[in-house]
């Protein structure tokens, strides 16, 4: 579902992508897969950023960072990527 959602987003269907990502997020939370939850939250950040909702995107990025830091720490490429995404929307 995540892959399909991001394909839709890349084709300009942000609202549909957002809906699919929220469904995927629910599944990841039910299965307690925090790294996948963080990946989905980062993707939701990208999508909501694309929908011109920077504060909502920032919220998704912050939660993704919390999950990654709790699981992998903050010295890794995943954390760095999400932190850059957060910095980008925080400038607005």
PDB file of N, CA and C in Angstrom:
ATOM      1  N   UNK A   1       0.819  -1.189   0.000  1.00  0.00           N
ATOM      2  CA  UNK A   1       0.000   0.000   0.000  1.00  0.00           C
ATOM      3  C   UNK A   1       0.869   1.262   0.000  1.00  0.00           C
ATOM      4  N   UNK A   2       1.972   1.237   0.753  1.00  0.00           N
ATOM      5  CA  UNK A   2       2.880   2.383   0.804  1.00  0.00           C
ATOM      6  C   UNK A   2       3.445   2.697  -0.575  1.00  0.00           C
ATOM      7  N   UNK A   3       3.919   1.675  -1.257  1.00  0.00           N
ATOM      8  CA  UNK A   3       4.510   1.870  -2.583  1.00  0.00           C
ATOM      9  C   UNK A   3       3.475   2.431  -3.558  1.00  0.00           C
ATOM     10  N   UNK A   4       2.286   1.876  -3.541  1.00  0.00           N
ATOM     11  CA  UNK A   4       1.214   2.348  -4.412  1.00  0.00           C
ATOM     12  C   UNK A   4       0.876   3.804  -4.111  1.00  0.00           C
ATOM     13  N   UNK A   5       0.831   4.136  -2.838  1.00  0.00           N
ATOM     14  CA  UNK A   5       0.522   5.515  -2.440  1.00  0.00           C
ATOM     15  C   UNK A   5       1.567   6.484  -2.970  1.00  0.00           C
ATOM     16  N   UNK A   6       2.832   6.122  -2.867  1.00  0.00           N
ATOM     17  CA  UNK A   6       3.886   7.025  -3.325  1.00  0.00           C
ATOM     18  C   UNK A   6       3.915   7.117  -4.853  1.00  0.00           C
ATOM     19  N   UNK A   7       3.525   6.045  -5.530  1.00  0.00           N
ATOM     20  CA  UNK A   7       3.400   6.113  -6.990  1.00  0.00           C
ATOM     21  C   UNK A   7       2.284   7.082  -7.367  1.00  0.00           C
ATOM     22  N   UNK A   8       1.178   7.016  -6.642  1.00  0.00           N
ATOM     23  CA  UNK A   8       0.075   7.944  -6.900  1.00  0.00           C
ATOM     24  C   UNK A   8       0.511   9.381  -6.654  1.00  0.00           C
ATOM     25  N   UNK A   9       1.256   9.588  -5.580  1.00  0.00           N
ATOM     26  CA  UNK A   9       1.743  10.932  -5.272  1.00  0.00           C
ATOM     27  C   UNK A   9       2.627  11.459  -6.397  1.00  0.00           C
ATOM     28  N   UNK A  10       3.503  10.610  -6.896  1.00  0.00           N
ATOM     29  CA  UNK A  10       4.408  11.038  -7.971  1.00  0.00           C
ATOM     30  C   UNK A  10       3.648  11.339  -9.264  1.00  0.00           C
ATOM     31  N   UNK A  11       2.443  10.801  -9.380  1.00  0.00           N
ATOM     32  CA  UNK A  11       1.602  11.060 -10.555  1.00  0.00           C
ATOM     33  C   UNK A  11       0.642  12.230 -10.329  1.00  0.00           C
ATOM     34  N   UNK A  12       0.793  12.906  -9.188  1.00  0.00           N
ATOM     35  CA  UNK A  12      -0.027  14.085  -8.921  1.00  0.00           C
ATOM     36  C   UNK A  12      -1.324  13.837  -8.185  1.00  0.00           C
ATOM     37  N   UNK A  13      -1.477  12.648  -7.624  1.00  0.00           N
ATOM     38  CA  UNK A  13      -2.711  12.295  -6.911  1.00  0.00           C
ATOM     39  C   UNK A  13      -2.451  12.293  -5.401  1.00  0.00           C
ATOM     40  N   UNK A  14      -2.166  13.475  -4.870  1.00  0.00           N
ATOM     41  CA  UNK A  14      -1.755  13.592  -3.472  1.00  0.00           C
ATOM     42  C   UNK A  14      -2.845  13.178  -2.488  1.00  0.00           C
ATOM     43  N   UNK A  15      -4.072  13.556  -2.736  1.00  0.00           N
ATOM     44  CA  UNK A  15      -5.156  13.205  -1.795  1.00  0.00           C
ATOM     45  C   UNK A  15      -5.361  11.692  -1.710  1.00  0.00           C
ATOM     46  N   UNK A  16      -5.318  11.022  -2.837  1.00  0.00           N
ATOM     47  CA  UNK A  16      -5.453   9.561  -2.834  1.00  0.00           C
ATOM     48  C   UNK A  16      -4.259   8.923  -2.128  1.00  0.00           C
ATOM     49  N   UNK A  17      -3.085   9.457  -2.375  1.00  0.00           N
ATOM     50  CA  UNK A  17      -1.882   8.944  -1.716  1.00  0.00           C
ATOM     51  C   UNK A  17      -1.999   9.107  -0.208  1.00  0.00           C
ATOM     52  N   UNK A  18      -2.483  10.256   0.220  1.00  0.00           N
ATOM     53  CA  UNK A  18      -2.640  10.521   1.652  1.00  0.00           C
ATOM     54  C   UNK A  18      -3.581   9.497   2.291  1.00  0.00           C
ATOM     55  N   UNK A  19      -4.702   9.223   1.650  1.00  0.00           N
ATOM     56  CA  UNK A  19      -5.660   8.239   2.178  1.00  0.00           C
ATOM     57  C   UNK A  19      -5.016   6.863   2.330  1.00  0.00           C
ATOM     58  N   UNK A  20      -4.281   6.446   1.310  1.00  0.00           N
ATOM     59  CA  UNK A  20      -3.636   5.128   1.359  1.00  0.00           C
ATOM     60  C   UNK A  20      -2.560   5.080   2.437  1.00  0.00           C
ATOM     61  N   UNK A  21      -1.836   6.166   2.592  1.00  0.00           N
ATOM     62  CA  UNK A  21      -0.789   6.198   3.615  1.00  0.00           C
ATOM     63  C   UNK A  21      -1.379   6.131   5.018  1.00  0.00           C
ATOM     64  N   UNK A  22      -2.514   6.776   5.245  1.00  0.00           N
ATOM     65  CA  UNK A  22      -3.151   6.671   6.558  1.00  0.00           C
ATOM     66  C   UNK A  22      -3.603   5.237   6.835  1.00  0.00           C
ATOM     67  N   UNK A  23      -4.077   4.540   5.817  1.00  0.00           N
ATOM     68  CA  UNK A  23      -4.442   3.127   5.992  1.00  0.00           C
ATOM     69  C   UNK A  23      -3.205   2.290   6.308  1.00  0.00           C
ATOM     70  N   UNK A  24      -2.121   2.550   5.594  1.00  0.00           N
ATOM     71  CA  UNK A  24      -0.873   1.827   5.842  1.00  0.00           C
ATOM     72  C   UNK A  24      -0.346   2.130   7.239  1.00  0.00           C
ATOM     73  N   UNK A  25      -0.504   3.372   7.678  1.00  0.00           N
ATOM     74  CA  UNK A  25      -0.056   3.763   9.013  1.00  0.00           C
ATOM     75  C   UNK A  25      -0.824   2.999  10.083  1.00  0.00           C
ATOM     76  N   UNK A  26      -2.113   2.864   9.896  1.00  0.00           N
ATOM     77  CA  UNK A  26      -2.930   2.095  10.838  1.00  0.00           C
ATOM     78  C   UNK A  26      -2.435   0.657  10.921  1.00  0.00           C
ATOM     79  N   UNK A  27      -2.141   0.058   9.785  1.00  0.00           N
ATOM     80  CA  UNK A  27      -1.638  -1.323   9.767  1.00  0.00           C
ATOM     81  C   UNK A  27      -0.293  -1.432  10.469  1.00  0.00           C
ATOM     82  N   UNK A  28       0.601  -0.503  10.194  1.00  0.00           N
ATOM     83  CA  UNK A  28       1.932  -0.534  10.823  1.00  0.00           C
ATOM     84  C   UNK A  28       1.814  -0.399  12.336  1.00  0.00           C
ATOM     85  N   UNK A  29       0.909   0.443  12.781  1.00  0.00           N
ATOM     86  CA  UNK A  29       0.714   0.621  14.229  1.00  0.00           C
ATOM     87  C   UNK A  29       0.113  -0.627  14.855  1.00  0.00           C
ATOM     88  N   UNK A  30      -0.840  -1.246  14.174  1.00  0.00           N
ATOM     89  CA  UNK A  30      -1.449  -2.469  14.699  1.00  0.00           C
ATOM     90  C   UNK A  30      -0.421  -3.588  14.804  1.00  0.00           C
ATOM     91  N   UNK A  31       0.489  -3.648  13.836  1.00  0.00           N
ATOM     92  CA  UNK A  31       1.525  -4.682  13.832  1.00  0.00           C
ATOM     93  C   UNK A  31       2.736  -4.310  14.680  1.00  0.00           C
ATOM     94  N   UNK A  32       2.738  -3.077  15.189  1.00  0.00           N
ATOM     95  CA  UNK A  32       3.823  -2.568  16.044  1.00  0.00           C
ATOM     96  C   UNK A  32       5.180  -2.630  15.349  1.00  0.00           C
ATOM     97  N   UNK A  33       5.192  -2.162  14.103  1.00  0.00           N
ATOM     98  CA  UNK A  33       6.426  -2.106  13.317  1.00  0.00           C
ATOM     99  C   UNK A  33       6.852  -0.643  13.256  1.00  0.00           C
ATOM    100  N   UNK A  34       7.608  -0.208  14.270  1.00  0.00           N
ATOM    101  CA  UNK A  34       7.904   1.218  14.410  1.00  0.00           C
ATOM    102  C   UNK A  34       8.750   1.792  13.278  1.00  0.00           C
ATOM    103  N   UNK A  35       9.672   1.022  12.731  1.00  0.00           N
ATOM    104  CA  UNK A  35      10.485   1.550  11.625  1.00  0.00           C
ATOM    105  C   UNK A  35       9.629   1.773  10.381  1.00  0.00           C
ATOM    106  N   UNK A  36       8.701   0.876  10.120  1.00  0.00           N
ATOM    107  CA  UNK A  36       7.811   1.063   8.975  1.00  0.00           C
ATOM    108  C   UNK A  36       6.840   2.210   9.246  1.00  0.00           C
ATOM    109  N   UNK A  37       6.404   2.331  10.487  1.00  0.00           N
ATOM    110  CA  UNK A  37       5.549   3.460  10.863  1.00  0.00           C
ATOM    111  C   UNK A  37       6.283   4.775  10.592  1.00  0.00           C
ATOM    112  N   UNK A  38       7.556   4.827  10.941  1.00  0.00           N
ATOM    113  CA  UNK A  38       8.356   6.034  10.694  1.00  0.00           C
ATOM    114  C   UNK A  38       8.479   6.319   9.200  1.00  0.00           C
ATOM    115  N   UNK A  39       8.674   5.280   8.412  1.00  0.00           N
ATOM    116  CA  UNK A  39       8.772   5.451   6.956  1.00  0.00           C
ATOM    117  C   UNK A  39       7.470   6.017   6.396  1.00  0.00           C
ATOM    118  N   UNK A  40       6.355   5.493   6.862  1.00  0.00           N
ATOM    119  CA  UNK A  40       5.055   5.972   6.398  1.00  0.00           C
ATOM    120  C   UNK A  40       4.830   7.414   6.846  1.00  0.00           C
ATOM    121  N   UNK A  41       5.197   7.725   8.085  1.00  0.00           N
ATOM    122  CA  UNK A  41       5.052   9.098   8.566  1.00  0.00           C
ATOM    123  C   UNK A  41       5.902  10.066   7.749  1.00  0.00           C
ATOM    124  N   UNK A  42       7.105   9.649   7.389  1.00  0.00           N
ATOM    125  CA  UNK A  42       7.936  10.493   6.533  1.00  0.00           C
ATOM    126  C   UNK A  42       7.246  10.712   5.185  1.00  0.00           C
ATOM    127  N   UNK A  43       6.692   9.647   4.634  1.00  0.00           N
ATOM    128  CA  UNK A  43       5.976   9.770   3.360  1.00  0.00           C
ATOM    129  C   UNK A  43       4.747  10.665   3.502  1.00  0.00           C
ATOM    130  N   UNK A  44       4.038  10.534   4.616  1.00  0.00           N
ATOM    131  CA  UNK A  44       2.902  11.426   4.866  1.00  0.00           C
ATOM    132  C   UNK A  44       3.368  12.875   4.954  1.00  0.00           C
ATOM    133  N   UNK A  45       4.536  13.072   5.537  1.00  0.00           N
ATOM    134  CA  UNK A  45       5.101  14.420   5.574  1.00  0.00           C
ATOM    135  C   UNK A  45       5.330  14.959   4.177  1.00  0.00           C
ATOM    136  N   UNK A  46       5.899  14.135   3.317  1.00  0.00           N
ATOM    137  CA  UNK A  46       6.141  14.561   1.934  1.00  0.00           C
ATOM    138  C   UNK A  46       4.833  14.889   1.219  1.00  0.00           C
ATOM    139  N   UNK A  47       3.840  14.030   1.415  1.00  0.00           N
ATOM    140  CA  UNK A  47       2.554  14.234   0.747  1.00  0.00           C
ATOM    141  C   UNK A  47       1.860  15.487   1.280  1.00  0.00           C
ATOM    142  N   UNK A  48       1.806  15.651   2.598  1.00  0.00           N
ATOM    143  CA  UNK A  48       1.133  16.835   3.144  1.00  0.00           C
ATOM    144  C   UNK A  48       1.912  18.103   2.817  1.00  0.00           C
ATOM    145  N   UNK A  49       3.209  17.988   2.709  1.00  0.00           N
ATOM    146  CA  UNK A  49       4.010  19.121   2.246  1.00  0.00           C
ATOM    147  C   UNK A  49       3.596  19.477   0.813  1.00  0.00           C
ATOM    148  N   UNK A  50       3.398  18.464  -0.002  1.00  0.00           N
ATOM    149  CA  UNK A  50       2.941  18.668  -1.374  1.00  0.00           C
ATOM    150  C   UNK A  50       1.542  19.246  -1.451  1.00  0.00           C
ATOM    151  N   UNK A  51       0.756  19.025  -0.410  1.00  0.00           N
ATOM    152  CA  UNK A  51      -0.597  19.589  -0.332  1.00  0.00           C
ATOM    153  C   UNK A  51      -0.584  20.973   0.314  1.00  0.00           C
ATOM    154  N   UNK A  52       0.600  21.532   0.484  1.00  0.00           N
ATOM    155  CA  UNK A  52       0.787  22.864   1.059  1.00  0.00           C
ATOM    156  C   UNK A  52       0.267  22.952   2.494  1.00  0.00           C
ATOM    157  N   UNK A  53       0.623  21.937   3.287  1.00  0.00           N
ATOM    158  CA  UNK A  53       0.270  21.907   4.706  1.00  0.00           C
ATOM    159  C   UNK A  53       1.547  21.678   5.516  1.00  0.00           C
ATOM    160  N   UNK A  54       2.443  22.687   5.565  1.00  0.00           N
ATOM    161  CA  UNK A  54       3.743  22.489   6.202  1.00  0.00           C
ATOM    162  C   UNK A  54       3.687  22.159   7.688  1.00  0.00           C
ATOM    163  N   UNK A  55       2.725  22.704   8.426  1.00  0.00           N
ATOM    164  CA  UNK A  55       2.676  22.388   9.856  1.00  0.00           C
ATOM    165  C   UNK A  55       2.265  20.933  10.082  1.00  0.00           C
ATOM    166  N   UNK A  56       1.369  20.436   9.254  1.00  0.00           N
ATOM    167  CA  UNK A  56       0.969  19.024   9.336  1.00  0.00           C
ATOM    168  C   UNK A  56       2.143  18.128   8.933  1.00  0.00           C
ATOM    169  N   UNK A  57       2.861  18.535   7.891  1.00  0.00           N
ATOM    170  CA  UNK A  57       4.039  17.780   7.457  1.00  0.00           C
ATOM    171  C   UNK A  57       5.074  17.736   8.575  1.00  0.00           C
ATOM    172  N   UNK A  58       5.298  18.875   9.220  1.00  0.00           N
ATOM    173  CA  UNK A  58       6.277  18.939  10.311  1.00  0.00           C
ATOM    174  C   UNK A  58       5.902  17.987  11.437  1.00  0.00           C
ATOM    175  N   UNK A  59       4.623  17.897  11.734  1.00  0.00           N
ATOM    176  CA  UNK A  59       4.152  16.988  12.778  1.00  0.00           C
ATOM    177  C   UNK A  59       4.462  15.535  12.418  1.00  0.00           C
ATOM    178  N   UNK A  60       4.237  15.170  11.171  1.00  0.00           N
ATOM    179  CA  UNK A  60       4.553  13.806  10.720  1.00  0.00           C
ATOM    180  C   UNK A  60       6.059  13.548  10.803  1.00  0.00           C
ATOM    181  N   UNK A  61       6.853  14.512  10.354  1.00  0.00           N
ATOM    182  CA  UNK A  61       8.309  14.346  10.398  1.00  0.00           C
ATOM    183  C   UNK A  61       8.809  14.218  11.841  1.00  0.00           C
ATOM    184  N   UNK A  62       8.270  15.037  12.743  1.00  0.00           N
ATOM    185  CA  UNK A  62       8.709  14.967  14.148  1.00  0.00           C
ATOM    186  C   UNK A  62       8.431  13.588  14.747  1.00  0.00           C
ATOM    187  N   UNK A  63       7.255  13.068  14.495  1.00  0.00           N
ATOM    188  CA  UNK A  63       6.909  11.744  15.037  1.00  0.00           C
ATOM    189  C   UNK A  63       7.788  10.662  14.421  1.00  0.00           C
ATOM    190  N   UNK A  64       8.064  10.784  13.137  1.00  0.00           N
ATOM    191  CA  UNK A  64       8.953   9.819  12.478  1.00  0.00           C
ATOM    192  C   UNK A  64      10.341   9.861  13.113  1.00  0.00           C
ATOM    193  N   UNK A  65      10.830  11.067  13.393  1.00  0.00           N
ATOM    194  CA  UNK A  65      12.146  11.195  14.035  1.00  0.00           C
ATOM    195  C   UNK A  65      12.159  10.552  15.415  1.00  0.00           C
ATOM    196  N   UNK A  66      11.093  10.756  16.179  1.00  0.00           N
ATOM    197  CA  UNK A  66      11.001  10.136  17.506  1.00  0.00           C
ATOM    198  C   UNK A  66      11.098   8.618  17.405  1.00  0.00           C
ATOM    199  N   UNK A  67      10.373   8.045  16.467  1.00  0.00           N
ATOM    200  CA  UNK A  67      10.381   6.590  16.302  1.00  0.00           C
ATOM    201  C   UNK A  67      11.751   6.080  15.873  1.00  0.00           C
ATOM    202  N   UNK A  68      12.366   6.757  14.914  1.00  0.00           N
ATOM    203  CA  UNK A  68      13.690   6.331  14.441  1.00  0.00           C
ATOM    204  C   UNK A  68      14.719   6.472  15.546  1.00  0.00           C
ATOM    205  N   UNK A  69      14.674   7.589  16.257  1.00  0.00           N
ATOM    206  CA  UNK A  69      15.640   7.787  17.337  1.00  0.00           C
ATOM    207  C   UNK A  69      15.487   6.712  18.406  1.00  0.00           C
ATOM    208  N   UNK A  70      14.244   6.360  18.731  1.00  0.00           N
ATOM    209  CA  UNK A  70      14.002   5.330  19.733  1.00  0.00           C
ATOM    210  C   UNK A  70      14.469   3.952  19.302  1.00  0.00           C
ATOM    211  N   UNK A  71      14.428   3.683  18.010  1.00  0.00           N
ATOM    212  CA  UNK A  71      14.779   2.354  17.500  1.00  0.00           C
ATOM    213  C   UNK A  71      16.233   2.266  17.039  1.00  0.00           C
ATOM    214  N   UNK A  72      16.708   3.306  16.337  1.00  0.00           N
ATOM    215  CA  UNK A  72      18.037   3.248  15.715  1.00  0.00           C
ATOM    216  C   UNK A  72      19.004   4.317  16.204  1.00  0.00           C
ATOM    217  N   UNK A  73      18.523   5.248  17.008  1.00  0.00           N
ATOM    218  CA  UNK A  73      19.357   6.379  17.408  1.00  0.00           C
ATOM    219  C   UNK A  73      19.286   7.476  16.355  1.00  0.00           C
ATOM    220  N   UNK A  74      20.164   8.479  16.510  1.00  0.00           N
ATOM    221  CA  UNK A  74      20.108   9.593  15.566  1.00  0.00           C
ATOM    222  C   UNK A  74      21.345   9.699  14.683  1.00  0.00           C
ATOM    223  N   UNK A  75      22.153   8.667  14.675  1.00  0.00           N
ATOM    224  CA  UNK A  75      23.358   8.668  13.843  1.00  0.00           C
ATOM    225  C   UNK A  75      23.189   7.666  12.703  1.00  0.00           C
ATOM    226  N   UNK A  76      22.261   7.979  11.798  1.00  0.00           N
ATOM    227  CA  UNK A  76      22.003   7.102  10.660  1.00  0.00           C
ATOM    228  C   UNK A  76      21.368   7.906   9.536  1.00  0.00           C
ATOM    229  N   UNK A  77      21.416   7.356   8.356  1.00  0.00           N
ATOM    230  CA  UNK A  77      20.937   8.064   7.169  1.00  0.00           C
ATOM    231  C   UNK A  77      19.426   8.298   7.194  1.00  0.00           C
ATOM    232  N   UNK A  78      18.677   7.399   7.788  1.00  0.00           N
ATOM    233  CA  UNK A  78      17.222   7.564   7.852  1.00  0.00           C
ATOM    234  C   UNK A  78      16.883   8.784   8.706  1.00  0.00           C
ATOM    235  N   UNK A  79      17.499   8.862   9.876  1.00  0.00           N
ATOM    236  CA  UNK A  79      17.266  10.004  10.760  1.00  0.00           C
ATOM    237  C   UNK A  79      17.666  11.298  10.062  1.00  0.00           C
ATOM    238  N   UNK A  80      18.832  11.295   9.428  1.00  0.00           N
ATOM    239  CA  UNK A  80      19.319  12.496   8.734  1.00  0.00           C
ATOM    240  C   UNK A  80      18.359  12.948   7.638  1.00  0.00           C
ATOM    241  N   UNK A  81      17.842  12.002   6.874  1.00  0.00           N
ATOM    242  CA  UNK A  81      16.916  12.332   5.786  1.00  0.00           C
ATOM    243  C   UNK A  81      15.640  12.973   6.322  1.00  0.00           C
ATOM    244  N   UNK A  82      15.075  12.376   7.358  1.00  0.00           N
ATOM    245  CA  UNK A  82      13.838  12.916   7.927  1.00  0.00           C
ATOM    246  C   UNK A  82      14.097  14.271   8.575  1.00  0.00           C
ATOM    247  N   UNK A  83      15.242  14.418   9.239  1.00  0.00           N
ATOM    248  CA  UNK A  83      15.593  15.703   9.857  1.00  0.00           C
ATOM    249  C   UNK A  83      15.703  16.804   8.802  1.00  0.00           C
ATOM    250  N   UNK A  84      16.259  16.482   7.647  1.00  0.00           N
ATOM    251  CA  UNK A  84      16.345  17.466   6.552  1.00  0.00           C
ATOM    252  C   UNK A  84      14.952  17.835   6.049  1.00  0.00           C
ATOM    253  N   UNK A  85      14.074  16.845   5.969  1.00  0.00           N
ATOM    254  CA  UNK A  85      12.697  17.129   5.554  1.00  0.00           C
ATOM    255  C   UNK A  85      12.022  18.073   6.553  1.00  0.00           C
ATOM    256  N   UNK A  86      12.223  17.805   7.838  1.00  0.00           N
ATOM    257  CA  UNK A  86      11.650  18.661   8.876  1.00  0.00           C
ATOM    258  C   UNK A  86      12.223  20.073   8.786  1.00  0.00           C
ATOM    259  N   UNK A  87      13.518  20.177   8.600  1.00  0.00           N
ATOM    260  CA  UNK A  87      14.150  21.499   8.494  1.00  0.00           C
ATOM    261  C   UNK A  87      13.583  22.283   7.311  1.00  0.00           C
ATOM    262  N   UNK A  88      13.329  21.604   6.233  1.00  0.00           N
ATOM    263  CA  UNK A  88      12.799  22.264   5.032  1.00  0.00           C
ATOM    264  C   UNK A  88      11.433  22.892   5.299  1.00  0.00           C
ATOM    265  N   UNK A  89      10.545  22.183   6.001  1.00  0.00           N
ATOM    266  CA  UNK A  89       9.212  22.744   6.253  1.00  0.00           C
ATOM    267  C   UNK A  89       9.212  23.718   7.422  1.00  0.00           C
ATOM    268  N   UNK A  90      10.191  23.610   8.290  1.00  0.00           N
ATOM    269  CA  UNK A  90      10.267  24.505   9.445  1.00  0.00           C
ATOM    270  C   UNK A  90      10.695  25.907   9.051  1.00  0.00           C
ATOM    271  N   UNK A  91      11.285  26.054   7.880  1.00  0.00           N
ATOM    272  CA  UNK A  91      11.740  27.356   7.400  1.00  0.00           C
ATOM    273  C   UNK A  91      10.549  28.212   6.978  1.00  0.00           C
ATOM    274  N   UNK A  92       9.458  27.571   6.582  1.00  0.00           N
ATOM    275  CA  UNK A  92       8.286  28.307   6.070  1.00  0.00           C
ATOM    276  C   UNK A  92       7.624  29.084   7.159  1.00  0.00           C
TER     277      UNK A  92
END
